[in-house]
C-alpha atoms as a PDB file:
ATOM      1  CA  UNK A   1     -37.260 -35.353  22.982  1.00  0.00           C
ATOM      2  CA  UNK A   2     -39.542 -35.815  20.012  1.00  0.00           C
ATOM      3  CA  UNK A   3     -40.776 -32.241  20.184  1.00  0.00           C
ATOM      4  CA  UNK A   4     -37.216 -30.928  20.599  1.00  0.00           C
ATOM      5  CA  UNK A   5     -36.003 -32.814  17.506  1.00  0.00           C
ATOM      6  CA  UNK A   6     -38.977 -31.585  15.541  1.00  0.00           C
ATOM      7  CA  UNK A   7     -38.239 -28.010  16.571  1.00  0.00           C
ATOM      8  CA  UNK A   8     -34.601 -28.356  15.503  1.00  0.00           C
ATOM      9  CA  UNK A   9     -35.611 -29.824  12.134  1.00  0.00           C
ATOM     10  CA  UNK A  10     -38.209 -27.106  11.701  1.00  0.00           C
ATOM     11  CA  UNK A  11     -35.696 -24.323  12.430  1.00  0.00           C
ATOM     12  CA  UNK A  12     -33.184 -25.861  10.020  1.00  0.00           C
ATOM     13  CA  UNK A  13     -35.896 -26.155   7.386  1.00  0.00           C
ATOM     14  CA  UNK A  14     -36.889 -22.516   7.853  1.00  0.00           C
ATOM     15  CA  UNK A  15     -33.250 -21.417   7.558  1.00  0.00           C
ATOM     16  CA  UNK A  16     -32.826 -23.512   4.428  1.00  0.00           C
ATOM     17  CA  UNK A  17     -35.992 -22.112   2.907  1.00  0.00           C
ATOM     18  CA  UNK A  18     -34.899 -18.559   3.758  1.00  0.00           C
ATOM     19  CA  UNK A  19     -31.545 -19.134   2.053  1.00  0.00           C
ATOM     20  CA  UNK A  20     -33.264 -20.603  -1.036  1.00  0.00           C
ATOM     21  CA  UNK A  21     -35.660 -17.661  -1.164  1.00  0.00           C
ATOM     22  CA  UNK A  22     -32.750 -15.225  -0.798  1.00  0.00           C
ATOM     23  CA  UNK A  23     -30.790 -16.899  -3.608  1.00  0.00           C
ATOM     24  CA  UNK A  24     -33.793 -17.244  -5.905  1.00  0.00           C
ATOM     25  CA  UNK A  25     -34.820 -13.636  -5.345  1.00  0.00           C
ATOM     26  CA  UNK A  26     -31.378 -12.331  -6.360  1.00  0.00           C
ATOM     27  CA  UNK A  27     -30.451 -15.210  -8.675  1.00  0.00           C
ATOM     28  CA  UNK A  28     -29.763 -13.010 -11.714  1.00  0.00           C
ATOM     29  CA  UNK A  29     -27.551 -10.726  -9.648  1.00  0.00           C
ATOM     30  CA  UNK A  30     -25.521 -13.685  -8.350  1.00  0.00           C
ATOM     31  CA  UNK A  31     -25.078 -14.981 -11.898  1.00  0.00           C
ATOM     32  CA  UNK A  32     -23.699 -11.598 -12.961  1.00  0.00           C
ATOM     33  CA  UNK A  33     -21.372 -11.541  -9.940  1.00  0.00           C
ATOM     34  CA  UNK A  34     -19.873 -14.993 -10.557  1.00  0.00           C
ATOM     35  CA  UNK A  35     -17.295 -13.826 -13.187  1.00  0.00           C
ATOM     36  CA  UNK A  36     -16.147 -11.010 -10.905  1.00  0.00           C
ATOM     37  CA  UNK A  37     -15.913 -13.339  -7.890  1.00  0.00           C
ATOM     38  CA  UNK A  38     -13.838 -15.842  -9.891  1.00  0.00           C
ATOM     39  CA  UNK A  39     -11.511 -13.095 -11.139  1.00  0.00           C
ATOM     40  CA  UNK A  40     -11.016 -11.727  -7.618  1.00  0.00           C
ATOM     41  CA  UNK A  41     -10.293 -15.224  -6.314  1.00  0.00           C
ATOM     42  CA  UNK A  42      -7.860 -16.341  -9.026  1.00  0.00           C
ATOM     43  CA  UNK A  43      -6.075 -13.015  -9.609  1.00  0.00           C
ATOM     44  CA  UNK A  44      -6.115 -11.483  -6.100  1.00  0.00           C
ATOM     45  CA  UNK A  45      -6.965 -13.801  -3.211  1.00  0.00           C
ATOM     46  CA  UNK A  46      -5.270 -16.977  -4.448  1.00  0.00           C
ATOM     47  CA  UNK A  47      -1.923 -15.280  -5.291  1.00  0.00           C
ATOM     48  CA  UNK A  48      -1.909 -13.505  -1.930  1.00  0.00           C
ATOM     49  CA  UNK A  49      -2.633 -16.702  -0.018  1.00  0.00           C
ATOM     50  CA  UNK A  50       0.055 -18.603  -1.938  1.00  0.00           C
ATOM     51  CA  UNK A  51       2.538 -15.757  -1.412  1.00  0.00           C
ATOM     52  CA  UNK A  52       2.089 -15.927   2.351  1.00  0.00           C
ATOM     53  CA  UNK A  53       2.312 -19.734   2.318  1.00  0.00           C
ATOM     54  CA  UNK A  54       5.362 -19.926   0.036  1.00  0.00           C
ATOM     55  CA  UNK A  55       7.200 -17.181   1.934  1.00  0.00           C
ATOM     56  CA  UNK A  56       8.010 -19.828   4.563  1.00  0.00           C
ATOM     57  CA  UNK A  57       9.638 -22.112   1.983  1.00  0.00           C
ATOM     58  CA  UNK A  58      12.892 -22.248   0.106  1.00  0.00           C
ATOM     59  CA  UNK A  59      11.980 -21.610  -3.531  1.00  0.00           C
ATOM     60  CA  UNK A  60      13.598 -22.831  -6.734  1.00  0.00           C
ATOM     61  CA  UNK A  61      12.154 -21.070  -9.785  1.00  0.00           C
ATOM     62  CA  UNK A  62       8.893 -20.393  -7.912  1.00  0.00           C
ATOM     63  CA  UNK A  63       8.561 -23.985  -6.835  1.00  0.00           C
ATOM     64  CA  UNK A  64       8.444 -24.573  -3.051  1.00  0.00           C
ATOM     65  CA  UNK A  65      11.102 -27.056  -1.989  1.00  0.00           C
ATOM     66  CA  UNK A  66      11.753 -26.991   1.742  1.00  0.00           C
ATOM     67  CA  UNK A  67      10.013 -25.441   4.728  1.00  0.00           C
ATOM     68  CA  UNK A  68      12.383 -22.938   6.392  1.00  0.00           C
ATOM     69  CA  UNK A  69      10.025 -21.028   8.701  1.00  0.00           C
ATOM     70  CA  UNK A  70      11.004 -17.407   9.302  1.00  0.00           C
ATOM     71  CA  UNK A  71      14.454 -17.787   7.745  1.00  0.00           C
ATOM     72  CA  UNK A  72      13.469 -15.859   4.591  1.00  0.00           C
ATOM     73  CA  UNK A  73      12.165 -12.932   6.653  1.00  0.00           C
ATOM     74  CA  UNK A  74      15.271 -12.878   8.839  1.00  0.00           C
ATOM     75  CA  UNK A  75      17.520 -12.934   5.756  1.00  0.00           C
ATOM     76  CA  UNK A  76      15.672 -10.039   4.118  1.00  0.00           C
ATOM     77  CA  UNK A  77      15.782  -7.902   7.267  1.00  0.00           C
ATOM     78  CA  UNK A  78      19.428  -8.670   8.010  1.00  0.00           C
ATOM     79  CA  UNK A  79      20.695  -7.743   4.531  1.00  0.00           C
ATOM     80  CA  UNK A  80      22.605  -4.433   4.469  1.00  0.00           C
ATOM     81  CA  UNK A  81      20.458  -3.008   1.662  1.00  0.00           C
ATOM     82  CA  UNK A  82      17.188  -3.436   3.583  1.00  0.00           C
ATOM     83  CA  UNK A  83      17.576  -0.588   6.079  1.00  0.00           C
ATOM     84  CA  UNK A  84      18.818   1.769   3.372  1.00  0.00           C
ATOM     85  CA  UNK A  85      15.843   0.850   1.197  1.00  0.00           C
ATOM     86  CA  UNK A  86      13.422   1.486   4.067  1.00  0.00           C
ATOM     87  CA  UNK A  87      15.063   4.873   4.631  1.00  0.00           C
ATOM     88  CA  UNK A  88      14.762   5.722   0.922  1.00  0.00           C
ATOM     89  CA  UNK A  89      11.094   4.710   0.878  1.00  0.00           C
ATOM     90  CA  UNK A  90      10.364   6.900   3.898  1.00  0.00           C
ATOM     91  CA  UNK A  91      12.173   9.759   2.140  1.00  0.00           C
ATOM     92  CA  UNK A  92       9.876   9.311  -0.853  1.00  0.00           C
ATOM     93  CA  UNK A  93       6.868   9.551   1.468  1.00  0.00           C
ATOM     94  CA  UNK A  94       8.321  12.596   3.250  1.00  0.00           C
ATOM     95  CA  UNK A  95       9.108  14.497   0.029  1.00  0.00           C
ATOM     96  CA  UNK A  96       5.712  13.613  -1.425  1.00  0.00           C
ATOM     97  CA  UNK A  97       3.992  15.129   1.613  1.00  0.00           C
ATOM     98  CA  UNK A  98       6.190  18.242   1.479  1.00  0.00           C
ATOM     99  CA  UNK A  99       5.902  18.793  -2.283  1.00  0.00           C
ATOM    100  CA  UNK A 100       3.124  16.638  -3.687  1.00  0.00           C
ATOM    101  CA  UNK A 101       0.527  17.272  -0.990  1.00  0.00           C
ATOM    102  CA  UNK A 102       0.200  21.099  -0.918  1.00  0.00           C
ATOM    103  CA  UNK A 103       0.523  21.722  -4.687  1.00  0.00           C
ATOM    104  CA  UNK A 104      -2.894  20.219  -5.657  1.00  0.00           C
ATOM    105  CA  UNK A 105      -4.554  22.293  -2.934  1.00  0.00           C
ATOM    106  CA  UNK A 106      -2.866  25.464  -4.211  1.00  0.00           C
ATOM    107  CA  UNK A 107      -3.937  24.678  -7.784  1.00  0.00           C
ATOM    108  CA  UNK A 108      -7.510  24.157  -6.589  1.00  0.00           C
ATOM    109  CA  UNK A 109      -7.448  27.526  -4.830  1.00  0.00           C
ATOM    110  CA  UNK A 110      -6.236  29.183  -8.043  1.00  0.00           C
ATOM    111  CA  UNK A 111      -8.933  27.489 -10.151  1.00  0.00           C
ATOM    112  CA  UNK A 112     -11.574  28.438  -7.593  1.00  0.00           C
ATOM    113  CA  UNK A 113     -10.648  32.128  -7.862  1.00  0.00           C
ATOM    114  CA  UNK A 114     -10.402  32.313 -11.654  1.00  0.00           C
ATOM    115  CA  UNK A 115     -13.095  34.239 -13.494  1.00  0.00           C
ATOM    116  CA  UNK A 116     -11.990  33.647 -17.093  1.00  0.00           C
ATOM    117  CA  UNK A 117     -10.730  30.476 -18.819  1.00  0.00           C
ATOM    118  CA  UNK A 118     -11.832  28.268 -15.937  1.00  0.00           C
ATOM    119  CA  UNK A 119     -12.682  25.247 -18.125  1.00  0.00           C
ATOM    120  CA  UNK A 120      -9.450  25.542 -20.112  1.00  0.00           C
ATOM    121  CA  UNK A 121      -7.450  25.769 -16.880  1.00  0.00           C
ATOM    122  CA  UNK A 122      -9.083  22.616 -15.492  1.00  0.00           C
ATOM    123  CA  UNK A 123      -8.281  20.730 -18.703  1.00  0.00           C
ATOM    124  CA  UNK A 124      -4.640  21.859 -18.643  1.00  0.00           C
ATOM    125  CA  UNK A 125      -4.268  20.994 -14.955  1.00  0.00           C
ATOM    126  CA  UNK A 126      -5.775  17.533 -15.423  1.00  0.00           C
ATOM    127  CA  UNK A 127      -4.029  16.713 -18.708  1.00  0.00           C
ATOM    128  CA  UNK A 128      -0.803  15.200 -17.228  1.00  0.00           C
ATOM    129  CA  UNK A 129      -2.903  12.791 -15.148  1.00  0.00           C
ATOM    130  CA  UNK A 130      -4.241  10.983 -18.223  1.00  0.00           C
ATOM    131  CA  UNK A 131      -0.752  10.093 -19.431  1.00  0.00           C
ATOM    132  CA  UNK A 132       0.760   6.714 -18.408  1.00  0.00           C
ATOM    133  CA  UNK A 133       3.243   6.830 -15.542  1.00  0.00           C
ATOM    134  CA  UNK A 134       5.956   5.105 -17.595  1.00  0.00           C
ATOM    135  CA  UNK A 135       5.593   7.647 -20.420  1.00  0.00           C
ATOM    136  CA  UNK A 136       5.806  10.483 -17.901  1.00  0.00           C
ATOM    137  CA  UNK A 137       8.944   8.959 -16.376  1.00  0.00           C
ATOM    138  CA  UNK A 138      10.580   8.658 -19.793  1.00  0.00           C
ATOM    139  CA  UNK A 139       9.662  12.273 -20.548  1.00  0.00           C
ATOM    140  CA  UNK A 140      11.279  13.462 -17.331  1.00  0.00           C
ATOM    141  CA  UNK A 141      14.404  11.434 -18.055  1.00  0.00           C
ATOM    142  CA  UNK A 142      14.894  13.668 -21.084  1.00  0.00           C
ATOM    143  CA  UNK A 143      14.033  16.773 -19.052  1.00  0.00           C
ATOM    144  CA  UNK A 144      16.657  15.782 -16.459  1.00  0.00           C
ATOM    145  CA  UNK A 145      19.233  14.847 -19.095  1.00  0.00           C
ATOM    146  CA  UNK A 146      22.640  15.749 -17.574  1.00  0.00           C
ATOM    147  CA  UNK A 147      24.035  16.975 -20.908  1.00  0.00           C
ATOM    148  CA  UNK A 148      23.760  20.645 -21.943  1.00  0.00           C
ATOM    149  CA  UNK A 149      20.974  19.566 -24.341  1.00  0.00           C
ATOM    150  CA  UNK A 150      18.698  18.523 -21.464  1.00  0.00           C
ATOM    151  CA  UNK A 151      15.695  20.807 -21.015  1.00  0.00           C
ATOM    152  CA  UNK A 152      16.512  21.835 -17.442  1.00  0.00           C
ATOM    153  CA  UNK A 153      20.190  22.377 -18.227  1.00  0.00           C
ATOM    154  CA  UNK A 154      19.216  24.229 -21.396  1.00  0.00           C
ATOM    155  CA  UNK A 155      17.113  26.658 -19.363  1.00  0.00           C
ATOM    156  CA  UNK A 156      19.854  27.034 -16.764  1.00  0.00           C
ATOM    157  CA  UNK A 157      22.384  27.666 -19.550  1.00  0.00           C
ATOM    158  CA  UNK A 158      20.409  30.743 -20.615  1.00  0.00           C
ATOM    159  CA  UNK A 159      21.277  32.225 -17.209  1.00  0.00           C
ATOM    160  CA  UNK A 160      24.915  31.199 -17.378  1.00  0.00           C
ATOM    161  CA  UNK A 161      24.569  28.260 -14.970  1.00  0.00           C
ATOM    162  CA  UNK A 162      26.679  25.145 -15.538  1.00  0.00           C
ATOM    163  CA  UNK A 163      24.921  21.858 -16.428  1.00  0.00           C
ATOM    164  CA  UNK A 164      23.797  19.869 -13.405  1.00  0.00           C
ATOM    165  CA  UNK A 165      23.796  16.080 -12.981  1.00  0.00           C
ATOM    166  CA  UNK A 166      20.151  15.861 -11.967  1.00  0.00           C
ATOM    167  CA  UNK A 167      19.365  12.184 -11.457  1.00  0.00           C
ATOM    168  CA  UNK A 168      23.038  11.345 -10.950  1.00  0.00           C
ATOM    169  CA  UNK A 169      23.230  13.463  -7.785  1.00  0.00           C
ATOM    170  CA  UNK A 170      22.591  10.892  -5.055  1.00  0.00           C
ATOM    171  CA  UNK A 171      21.722  13.618  -2.527  1.00  0.00           C
ATOM    172  CA  UNK A 172      18.602  14.801  -4.379  1.00  0.00           C
ATOM    173  CA  UNK A 173      17.668  11.967  -6.758  1.00  0.00           C
ATOM    174  CA  UNK A 174      14.594  11.063  -4.704  1.00  0.00           C
ATOM    175  CA  UNK A 175      13.498  14.699  -4.662  1.00  0.00           C
ATOM    176  CA  UNK A 176      13.652  15.005  -8.468  1.00  0.00           C
ATOM    177  CA  UNK A 177      11.677  11.783  -8.913  1.00  0.00           C
ATOM    178  CA  UNK A 178       8.986  13.089  -6.553  1.00  0.00           C
ATOM    179  CA  UNK A 179       8.804  16.325  -8.592  1.00  0.00           C
ATOM    180  CA  UNK A 180       8.070  14.314 -11.743  1.00  0.00           C
ATOM    181  CA  UNK A 181       5.453  12.230  -9.935  1.00  0.00           C
ATOM    182  CA  UNK A 182       3.810  15.363  -8.564  1.00  0.00           C
ATOM    183  CA  UNK A 183       3.541  16.823 -12.068  1.00  0.00           C
ATOM    184  CA  UNK A 184       1.899  13.608 -13.206  1.00  0.00           C
ATOM    185  CA  UNK A 185      -0.560  13.092 -10.366  1.00  0.00           C
ATOM    186  CA  UNK A 186      -1.466  16.442  -8.848  1.00  0.00           C
ATOM    187  CA  UNK A 187      -4.068  17.328 -11.500  1.00  0.00           C
ATOM    188  CA  UNK A 188      -6.597  14.681 -10.511  1.00  0.00           C
ATOM    189  CA  UNK A 189      -6.325  15.545  -6.828  1.00  0.00           C
ATOM    190  CA  UNK A 190      -6.630  19.265  -7.625  1.00  0.00           C
ATOM    191  CA  UNK A 191      -9.927  18.591  -9.447  1.00  0.00           C
ATOM    192  CA  UNK A 192     -11.263  16.779  -6.358  1.00  0.00           C
ATOM    193  CA  UNK A 193     -10.278  19.698  -4.154  1.00  0.00           C
ATOM    194  CA  UNK A 194     -11.793  22.176  -6.604  1.00  0.00           C
ATOM    195  CA  UNK A 195     -15.106  20.291  -6.603  1.00  0.00           C
ATOM    196  CA  UNK A 196     -15.153  20.358  -2.795  1.00  0.00           C
ATOM    197  CA  UNK A 197     -14.447  24.094  -2.770  1.00  0.00           C
ATOM    198  CA  UNK A 198     -17.354  24.659  -5.127  1.00  0.00           C
ATOM    199  CA  UNK A 199     -19.606  23.054  -2.522  1.00  0.00           C
ATOM    200  CA  UNK A 200     -18.722  25.534   0.208  1.00  0.00           C
ATOM    201  CA  UNK A 201     -21.579  27.906   0.980  1.00  0.00           C
ATOM    202  CA  UNK A 202     -20.707  31.297  -0.540  1.00  0.00           C
ATOM    203  CA  UNK A 203     -22.540  33.070   2.274  1.00  0.00           C
ATOM    204  CA  UNK A 204     -19.803  31.934   4.685  1.00  0.00           C
ATOM    205  CA  UNK A 205     -17.178  33.584   2.487  1.00  0.00           C
ATOM    206  CA  UNK A 206     -19.312  36.724   2.267  1.00  0.00           C
ATOM    207  CA  UNK A 207     -19.725  36.853   6.050  1.00  0.00           C
ATOM    208  CA  UNK A 208     -15.964  36.508   6.508  1.00  0.00           C
ATOM    209  CA  UNK A 209     -15.413  39.233   3.916  1.00  0.00           C
ATOM    210  CA  UNK A 210     -17.799  41.554   5.734  1.00  0.00           C
ATOM    211  CA  UNK A 211     -15.812  40.950   8.928  1.00  0.00           C
ATOM    212  CA  UNK A 212     -12.744  42.269   7.145  1.00  0.00           C
ATOM    213  CA  UNK A 213     -11.048  38.928   6.454  1.00  0.00           C
ATOM    214  CA  UNK A 214      -8.558  39.019   3.583  1.00  0.00           C
ATOM    215  CA  UNK A 215      -8.106  36.239   1.060  1.00  0.00           C
ATOM    216  CA  UNK A 216      -5.548  34.191   2.991  1.00  0.00           C
ATOM    217  CA  UNK A 217      -7.488  34.548   6.211  1.00  0.00           C
ATOM    218  CA  UNK A 218     -10.671  33.338   4.453  1.00  0.00           C
ATOM    219  CA  UNK A 219      -8.731  30.308   3.260  1.00  0.00           C
ATOM    220  CA  UNK A 220      -7.502  29.658   6.797  1.00  0.00           C
ATOM    221  CA  UNK A 221     -10.807  30.101   8.642  1.00  0.00           C
ATOM    222  CA  UNK A 222     -13.279  28.863   6.000  1.00  0.00           C
ATOM    223  CA  UNK A 223     -11.747  26.708   3.248  1.00  0.00           C
ATOM    224  CA  UNK A 224      -9.291  24.614   5.253  1.00  0.00           C
ATOM    225  CA  UNK A 225     -11.704  23.761   8.135  1.00  0.00           C
ATOM    226  CA  UNK A 226     -14.386  22.781   5.629  1.00  0.00           C
ATOM    227  CA  UNK A 227     -11.963  20.538   3.691  1.00  0.00           C
ATOM    228  CA  UNK A 228     -10.004  19.256   6.696  1.00  0.00           C
ATOM    229  CA  UNK A 229     -11.414  15.729   6.522  1.00  0.00           C
ATOM    230  CA  UNK A 230     -10.775  15.464   2.791  1.00  0.00           C
ATOM    231  CA  UNK A 231      -7.208  16.712   3.162  1.00  0.00           C
ATOM    232  CA  UNK A 232      -6.443  14.126   5.860  1.00  0.00           C
ATOM    233  CA  UNK A 233      -7.875  11.293   3.761  1.00  0.00           C
ATOM    234  CA  UNK A 234      -5.923  12.289   0.670  1.00  0.00           C
ATOM    235  CA  UNK A 235      -2.760  12.479   2.749  1.00  0.00           C
ATOM    236  CA  UNK A 236      -3.332   8.903   3.928  1.00  0.00           C
ATOM    237  CA  UNK A 237      -3.997   7.749   0.364  1.00  0.00           C
ATOM    238  CA  UNK A 238      -0.836   9.455  -0.817  1.00  0.00           C
ATOM    239  CA  UNK A 239       1.256   7.690   1.814  1.00  0.00           C
ATOM    240  CA  UNK A 240      -0.118   4.321   0.682  1.00  0.00           C
ATOM    241  CA  UNK A 241       0.480   4.993  -3.027  1.00  0.00           C
ATOM    242  CA  UNK A 242       3.984   6.435  -2.635  1.00  0.00           C
ATOM    243  CA  UNK A 243       5.047   3.604  -0.335  1.00  0.00           C
ATOM    244  CA  UNK A 244       4.451   1.231  -3.276  1.00  0.00           C
ATOM    245  CA  UNK A 245       6.460   3.274  -5.802  1.00  0.00           C
ATOM    246  CA  UNK A 246       8.402   1.120  -8.255  1.00  0.00           C
ATOM    247  CA  UNK A 247       7.779   1.874 -11.945  1.00  0.00           C
ATOM    248  CA  UNK A 248       9.006   5.461 -11.910  1.00  0.00           C
ATOM    249  CA  UNK A 249      12.241   4.572 -10.123  1.00  0.00           C
ATOM    250  CA  UNK A 250      12.856   1.619 -12.442  1.00  0.00           C
ATOM    251  CA  UNK A 251      12.377   3.792 -15.523  1.00  0.00           C
ATOM    252  CA  UNK A 252      14.255   6.899 -14.398  1.00  0.00           C
ATOM    253  CA  UNK A 253      17.234   5.648 -12.375  1.00  0.00           C
ATOM    254  CA  UNK A 254      17.006   1.880 -11.968  1.00  0.00           C
ATOM    255  CA  UNK A 255      17.565   2.513  -8.266  1.00  0.00           C
ATOM    256  CA  UNK A 256      20.831   4.407  -8.768  1.00  0.00           C
ATOM    257  CA  UNK A 257      23.144   6.073  -8.387  1.00  0.00           C
ATOM    258  CA  UNK A 258      24.648   3.515  -6.003  1.00  0.00           C
ATOM    259  CA  UNK A 259      21.165   2.439  -4.842  1.00  0.00           C
ATOM    260  CA  UNK A 260      20.443   5.986  -3.643  1.00  0.00           C
ATOM    261  CA  UNK A 261      16.888   5.870  -5.023  1.00  0.00           C
ATOM    262  CA  UNK A 262      15.977   2.192  -4.639  1.00  0.00           C
ATOM    263  CA  UNK A 263      12.627   1.533  -2.927  1.00  0.00           C
ATOM    264  CA  UNK A 264      11.041  -1.469  -1.254  1.00  0.00           C
ATOM    265  CA  UNK A 265       8.939  -2.017  -4.364  1.00  0.00           C
ATOM    266  CA  UNK A 266      11.998  -1.988  -6.617  1.00  0.00           C
ATOM    267  CA  UNK A 267      13.933  -4.233  -4.224  1.00  0.00           C
ATOM    268  CA  UNK A 268      11.015  -6.651  -4.323  1.00  0.00           C
ATOM    269  CA  UNK A 269      11.129  -6.539  -8.142  1.00  0.00           C
ATOM    270  CA  UNK A 270      14.855  -7.324  -8.110  1.00  0.00           C
ATOM    271  CA  UNK A 271      14.384 -10.282  -5.810  1.00  0.00           C
ATOM    272  CA  UNK A 272      11.579 -11.620  -7.977  1.00  0.00           C
ATOM    273  CA  UNK A 273      12.901 -11.220 -11.520  1.00  0.00           C
ATOM    274  CA  UNK A 274      16.666 -10.794 -11.407  1.00  0.00           C
ATOM    275  CA  UNK A 275      19.215 -13.628 -11.097  1.00  0.00           C
ATOM    276  CA  UNK A 276      16.858 -16.110 -12.698  1.00  0.00           C
ATOM    277  CA  UNK A 277      14.417 -16.129  -9.783  1.00  0.00           C
ATOM    278  CA  UNK A 278      16.998 -17.432  -7.301  1.00  0.00           C
ATOM    279  CA  UNK A 279      15.805 -14.934  -4.682  1.00  0.00           C
ATOM    280  CA  UNK A 280      12.101 -15.582  -5.173  1.00  0.00           C
ATOM    281  CA  UNK A 281      11.619 -16.564  -1.525  1.00  0.00           C
ATOM    282  CA  UNK A 282      12.965 -13.183  -0.446  1.00  0.00           C
ATOM    283  CA  UNK A 283      10.575 -11.423  -2.816  1.00  0.00           C
ATOM    284  CA  UNK A 284       7.679 -13.306  -1.242  1.00  0.00           C
ATOM    285  CA  UNK A 285       8.838 -12.500   2.291  1.00  0.00           C
ATOM    286  CA  UNK A 286       9.347  -8.809   1.507  1.00  0.00           C
ATOM    287  CA  UNK A 287       5.997  -8.669  -0.266  1.00  0.00           C
ATOM    288  CA  UNK A 288       4.238 -10.100   2.793  1.00  0.00           C
ATOM    289  CA  UNK A 289       5.929  -7.538   5.064  1.00  0.00           C
ATOM    290  CA  UNK A 290       4.869  -4.690   2.769  1.00  0.00           C
ATOM    291  CA  UNK A 291       1.346  -6.109   2.617  1.00  0.00           C
ATOM    292  CA  UNK A 292       1.077  -6.211   6.418  1.00  0.00           C
ATOM    293  CA  UNK A 293       2.316  -2.630   6.781  1.00  0.00           C
ATOM    294  CA  UNK A 294      -0.003  -1.289   4.084  1.00  0.00           C
ATOM    295  CA  UNK A 295      -2.926  -3.260   5.518  1.00  0.00           C
ATOM    296  CA  UNK A 296      -2.402  -1.526   8.859  1.00  0.00           C
ATOM    297  CA  UNK A 297      -2.278   1.860   7.128  1.00  0.00           C
ATOM    298  CA  UNK A 298      -5.380   0.982   5.082  1.00  0.00           C
ATOM    299  CA  UNK A 299      -7.325  -0.040   8.202  1.00  0.00           C
ATOM    300  CA  UNK A 300      -6.348   3.254   9.805  1.00  0.00           C
ATOM    301  CA  UNK A 301      -7.435   5.049   6.635  1.00  0.00           C
ATOM    302  CA  UNK A 302     -10.902   3.422   6.618  1.00  0.00           C
ATOM    303  CA  UNK A 303     -11.406   4.095  10.327  1.00  0.00           C
ATOM    304  CA  UNK A 304     -10.397   7.693   9.826  1.00  0.00           C
ATOM    305  CA  UNK A 305     -12.750   7.949   6.855  1.00  0.00           C
ATOM    306  CA  UNK A 306     -15.633   6.574   8.921  1.00  0.00           C
ATOM    307  CA  UNK A 307     -14.892   8.934  11.802  1.00  0.00           C
ATOM    308  CA  UNK A 308     -14.764  11.976   9.520  1.00  0.00           C
ATOM    309  CA  UNK A 309     -18.047  11.013   7.854  1.00  0.00           C
ATOM    310  CA  UNK A 310     -19.710  10.610  11.246  1.00  0.00           C
ATOM    311  CA  UNK A 311     -18.483  14.036  12.328  1.00  0.00           C
ATOM    312  CA  UNK A 312     -19.821  15.620   9.134  1.00  0.00           C
ATOM    313  CA  UNK A 313     -23.299  14.127   9.570  1.00  0.00           C
END
């Protein structure tokens, strides 16, 4: 028994000494990390933990009052605007994949084939990406102005076409918002694609050319297979980012007309900040549901990223 106790104390002492050595060896690094760790805890982890906890309570001005269990979640799901908002959000994702996903790849192909003014073209393509999203949304509000003085209607007027109620047409409001977002964000993605294309071995292109492959066939059999993993990852990232859309909709339409463009993010904003915070518990419940869904997508994204990297090694 004596020897066994001594062995246990000795192992604990060795573990303690190893921990002390580890901390002392990297002490300066830990000191530098402390501010970041505190910021992550107080501004990210703590609010998320409290949001999950408070989502099971009845709230009065962001003060928990009474435990209600899943009642807040059931109320949010059973409201008539929830299903329509989910449908709208999925439409945003769908239109972004149809419009916003291929355009950066096409721009990268164009930049990759240019001989002259390549640097100027890259600057012009990337320029909209450095502008704030709210400023871009305000700019496109003027472009989509339904009066004859609006830029789009002004151009259409030159061809004898009547002014069109762009953002007021509930059938295509989401589509026009996605067009503005694509103009704002496609430049950065196009630069990533362009950099990847520059890394493709030119001998592969030359071999395909010698086999009689035209330009579009070279893109299909060389460029796309080489960039397949990158394209899949950027598609997953785009789904995550568009699912959270809120600022652009708030600035351009406010969710209208008749809630035709409202998203889950905007609905969450309304619950949280409108009506004096009376629906705060619903904002917390909806936020937790969005967090769970996006966490699942993010886990799938990281697994897919790992799998693609393993296949490329």
